[in-house]
Amino acid sequence: MKRILILCALVLASTLLYARDVKDTSKEIVKLAKSYRKKAGFEVVNLGPTSISLMKAAAKAEARYDDEDDIEDREEAWSEVDILSGLKRMLVVDYEDASYADKLSFNEKVSKCLEGCELLLSSVDEGEETRIYGTVLEDGATLKDLIVYEPQEGSLVYMEGKIDIRSAMSLAE
């Protein structure tokens, strides 16, 4: 439910926002994640272009050979392909099990990295905040370099590339 609300708000925001220059945080975010990856309670997964290409190929194969009788499954599979087609890199940091001091330190550094970035959406669900940063391109239908940050849950996802908002919305339905 939370995911659906977030994606709906992104679509609404895309019609209201135009691309603005945002601080290029990719190098800072990747460097920060690497510096914490060996700390207890931190799990860092960095998917580069090769891994993303393999994910794209797997998604295309699934979409092609999915059960032809189930139209909804096929449409969902092709939406996944559309979303992956614009991605170049993905970085996932899970630090839910980290010590309080390490979480606090990491959150402070992430907040500093995100200064100057365009905040697309901020929502609070059951006391847990989710912030989504990125750039909406002038076409109003494409997001560039998306960052999903949940400080209380200990989660950060960085997606480098372009994401079609309509494809993302079709997955949320």
Protein backbone atom coordinates (compact mmCIF):
# COMPACT_ATOMS: atom_id res chain seq x y z
CA MET A 1 0.00 0.00 0.00
CA LYS A 2 2.83 2.35 0.91
CA ARG A 3 4.49 1.69 -2.45
CA ILE A 4 1.28 2.47 -4.33
CA LEU A 5 0.84 5.79 -2.53
CA ILE A 6 4.44 6.76 -3.21
CA LEU A 7 4.20 5.94 -6.91
CA CYS A 8 0.88 7.81 -7.24
CA ALA A 9 2.43 10.86 -5.63
CA LEU A 10 5.39 10.61 -8.03
CA VAL A 11 3.08 10.73 -11.02
CA LEU A 12 1.30 13.76 -9.60
CA ALA A 13 4.60 15.44 -8.80
CA SER A 14 5.88 14.79 -12.31
CA THR A 15 3.12 16.90 -13.79
CA LEU A 16 3.98 19.78 -11.49
CA LEU A 17 7.76 19.70 -11.52
CA TYR A 18 10.30 20.44 -14.19
CA ALA A 19 13.90 19.33 -14.34
CA ARG A 20 16.25 21.43 -12.30
CA ASP A 21 19.94 20.99 -11.91
CA VAL A 22 20.61 18.81 -8.90
CA LYS A 23 23.86 18.12 -7.20
CA ASP A 24 25.53 15.05 -8.64
CA THR A 25 25.53 12.79 -5.63
CA SER A 26 26.31 9.47 -7.27
CA LYS A 27 30.03 9.49 -6.50
CA GLU A 28 29.43 10.66 -2.94
CA ILE A 29 26.71 8.06 -2.27
CA VAL A 30 28.80 5.21 -3.74
CA LYS A 31 31.89 6.31 -1.81
CA LEU A 32 29.89 6.56 1.43
CA ALA A 33 28.35 3.11 0.93
CA LYS A 34 31.77 1.59 0.27
CA SER A 35 33.17 3.16 3.43
CA TYR A 36 30.43 1.50 5.52
CA ARG A 37 30.19 -1.88 3.79
CA LYS A 38 32.53 -3.64 6.22
CA LYS A 39 30.81 -2.29 9.33
CA ALA A 40 28.65 -4.69 11.33
CA GLY A 41 24.99 -4.49 10.36
CA PHE A 42 25.58 -2.91 6.94
CA GLU A 43 24.79 -4.80 3.75
CA VAL A 44 25.79 -3.11 0.49
CA VAL A 45 24.86 -4.43 -2.94
CA ASN A 46 26.27 -2.57 -5.94
CA LEU A 47 24.91 -3.65 -9.32
CA GLY A 48 26.94 -2.26 -12.20
CA PRO A 49 26.16 -2.19 -15.92
CA THR A 50 26.90 -5.90 -16.43
CA SER A 51 24.57 -6.99 -13.62
CA ILE A 52 21.87 -4.62 -14.84
CA SER A 53 22.24 -6.03 -18.38
CA LEU A 54 21.75 -9.56 -17.02
CA MET A 55 18.65 -8.42 -15.13
CA LYS A 56 17.29 -6.83 -18.33
CA ALA A 57 17.91 -10.04 -20.30
CA ALA A 58 16.18 -12.15 -17.63
CA ALA A 59 13.21 -9.77 -17.50
CA LYS A 60 12.89 -9.84 -21.32
CA ALA A 61 13.03 -13.63 -21.36
CA GLU A 62 10.35 -13.83 -18.68
CA ALA A 63 8.16 -11.35 -20.55
CA ARG A 64 8.50 -13.26 -23.83
CA TYR A 65 7.83 -16.69 -22.41
CA ASP A 66 5.34 -15.80 -19.69
CA ASP A 67 2.02 -17.64 -19.65
CA GLU A 68 0.20 -16.34 -22.72
CA ASP A 69 -3.17 -16.93 -21.07
CA ASP A 70 -2.48 -14.44 -18.28
CA ILE A 71 -2.49 -11.00 -19.92
CA GLU A 72 -1.89 -9.17 -16.61
CA ASP A 73 1.30 -11.14 -15.92
CA ARG A 74 2.61 -10.38 -19.41
CA GLU A 75 1.85 -6.66 -19.05
CA GLU A 76 3.58 -6.58 -15.66
CA ALA A 77 6.61 -8.39 -17.06
CA TRP A 78 6.92 -5.88 -19.92
CA SER A 79 6.56 -3.00 -17.45
CA GLU A 80 9.52 -4.44 -15.55
CA VAL A 81 11.50 -4.55 -18.81
CA ASP A 82 10.60 -0.90 -19.49
CA ILE A 83 11.77 0.15 -16.02
CA LEU A 84 15.05 -1.76 -16.30
CA SER A 85 15.76 -0.54 -19.84
CA GLY A 86 16.84 2.91 -18.65
CA LEU A 87 18.89 1.83 -15.63
CA LYS A 88 22.68 1.87 -15.68
CA ARG A 89 23.49 1.10 -12.06
CA MET A 90 21.78 0.28 -8.78
CA LEU A 91 23.14 0.55 -5.27
CA VAL A 92 21.26 -0.85 -2.27
CA VAL A 93 22.34 -0.22 1.32
CA ASP A 94 20.51 -1.99 4.14
CA TYR A 95 21.65 -0.99 7.62
CA GLU A 96 18.65 -1.94 9.70
CA ASP A 97 20.80 -4.15 11.96
CA ALA A 98 23.62 -1.61 12.45
CA SER A 99 24.38 -0.10 15.84
CA TYR A 100 22.57 3.09 16.80
CA ALA A 101 25.82 5.11 16.57
CA ASP A 102 26.63 3.78 13.08
CA LYS A 103 23.05 4.43 11.88
CA LEU A 104 23.17 7.98 13.20
CA SER A 105 26.56 8.62 11.60
CA PHE A 106 25.47 7.16 8.25
CA ASN A 107 22.18 9.10 8.25
CA GLU A 108 24.00 12.37 8.95
CA LYS A 109 26.41 11.75 6.06
CA VAL A 110 23.61 10.75 3.68
CA SER A 111 21.65 13.88 4.58
CA LYS A 112 24.74 15.97 3.85
CA CYS A 113 25.18 14.23 0.46
CA LEU A 114 21.55 14.90 -0.42
CA GLU A 115 21.71 18.63 0.32
CA GLY A 116 20.81 20.50 -2.83
CA CYS A 117 19.07 17.53 -4.42
CA GLU A 118 15.48 17.84 -5.56
CA LEU A 119 13.13 16.22 -3.04
CA LEU A 120 10.30 14.72 -5.09
CA LEU A 121 8.36 13.16 -2.26
CA SER A 122 8.45 12.81 1.48
CA SER A 123 5.92 10.60 3.25
CA VAL A 124 5.45 9.25 6.75
CA ASP A 125 3.71 5.92 7.26
CA GLU A 126 3.36 4.56 10.79
CA GLY A 127 6.13 6.86 11.98
CA GLU A 128 8.62 5.80 9.31
CA GLU A 129 9.69 8.43 6.80
CA THR A 130 10.44 7.78 3.15
CA ARG A 131 12.16 10.41 1.03
CA ILE A 132 12.51 10.21 -2.72
CA TYR A 133 15.03 12.40 -4.52
CA GLY A 134 15.67 12.73 -8.21
CA THR A 135 15.06 14.82 -11.28
CA VAL A 136 11.87 14.90 -13.31
CA LEU A 137 12.83 15.61 -16.90
CA GLU A 138 10.99 18.21 -18.95
CA ASP A 139 8.77 15.60 -20.60
CA GLY A 140 7.13 15.12 -17.19
CA ALA A 141 7.13 11.34 -17.64
CA THR A 142 10.74 10.42 -16.90
CA LEU A 143 12.72 10.35 -13.67
CA LYS A 144 16.51 10.56 -13.70
CA ASP A 145 18.84 9.21 -11.01
CA LEU A 146 16.36 8.23 -8.33
CA ILE A 147 17.29 7.94 -4.63
CA VAL A 148 14.88 6.30 -2.17
CA TYR A 149 15.97 6.93 1.41
CA GLU A 150 14.32 5.55 4.56
CA PRO A 151 16.44 6.66 7.53
CA GLN A 152 14.34 5.03 10.28
CA GLU A 153 14.19 1.69 8.46
CA GLY A 154 17.88 1.84 7.59
CA SER A 155 17.51 1.67 3.83
CA LEU A 156 18.97 3.55 0.86
CA VAL A 157 18.44 2.68 -2.81
CA TYR A 158 20.18 4.62 -5.57
CA MET A 159 19.19 4.00 -9.20
CA GLU A 160 21.29 5.67 -11.88
CA GLY A 161 19.62 6.14 -15.22
CA LYS A 162 16.16 7.01 -16.47
CA ILE A 163 12.89 5.52 -15.24
CA ASP A 164 9.59 5.88 -17.06
CA ILE A 165 6.96 6.95 -14.52
CA ARG A 166 4.10 5.30 -16.43
CA SER A 167 5.86 1.92 -16.36
CA ALA A 168 6.47 2.25 -12.64
CA MET A 169 2.81 3.11 -12.07
CA SER A 170 1.61 0.09 -14.03
CA LEU A 171 3.55 -2.15 -11.61
CA ALA A 172 1.92 -0.48 -8.61
CA GLU A 173 -1.62 -1.20 -9.80
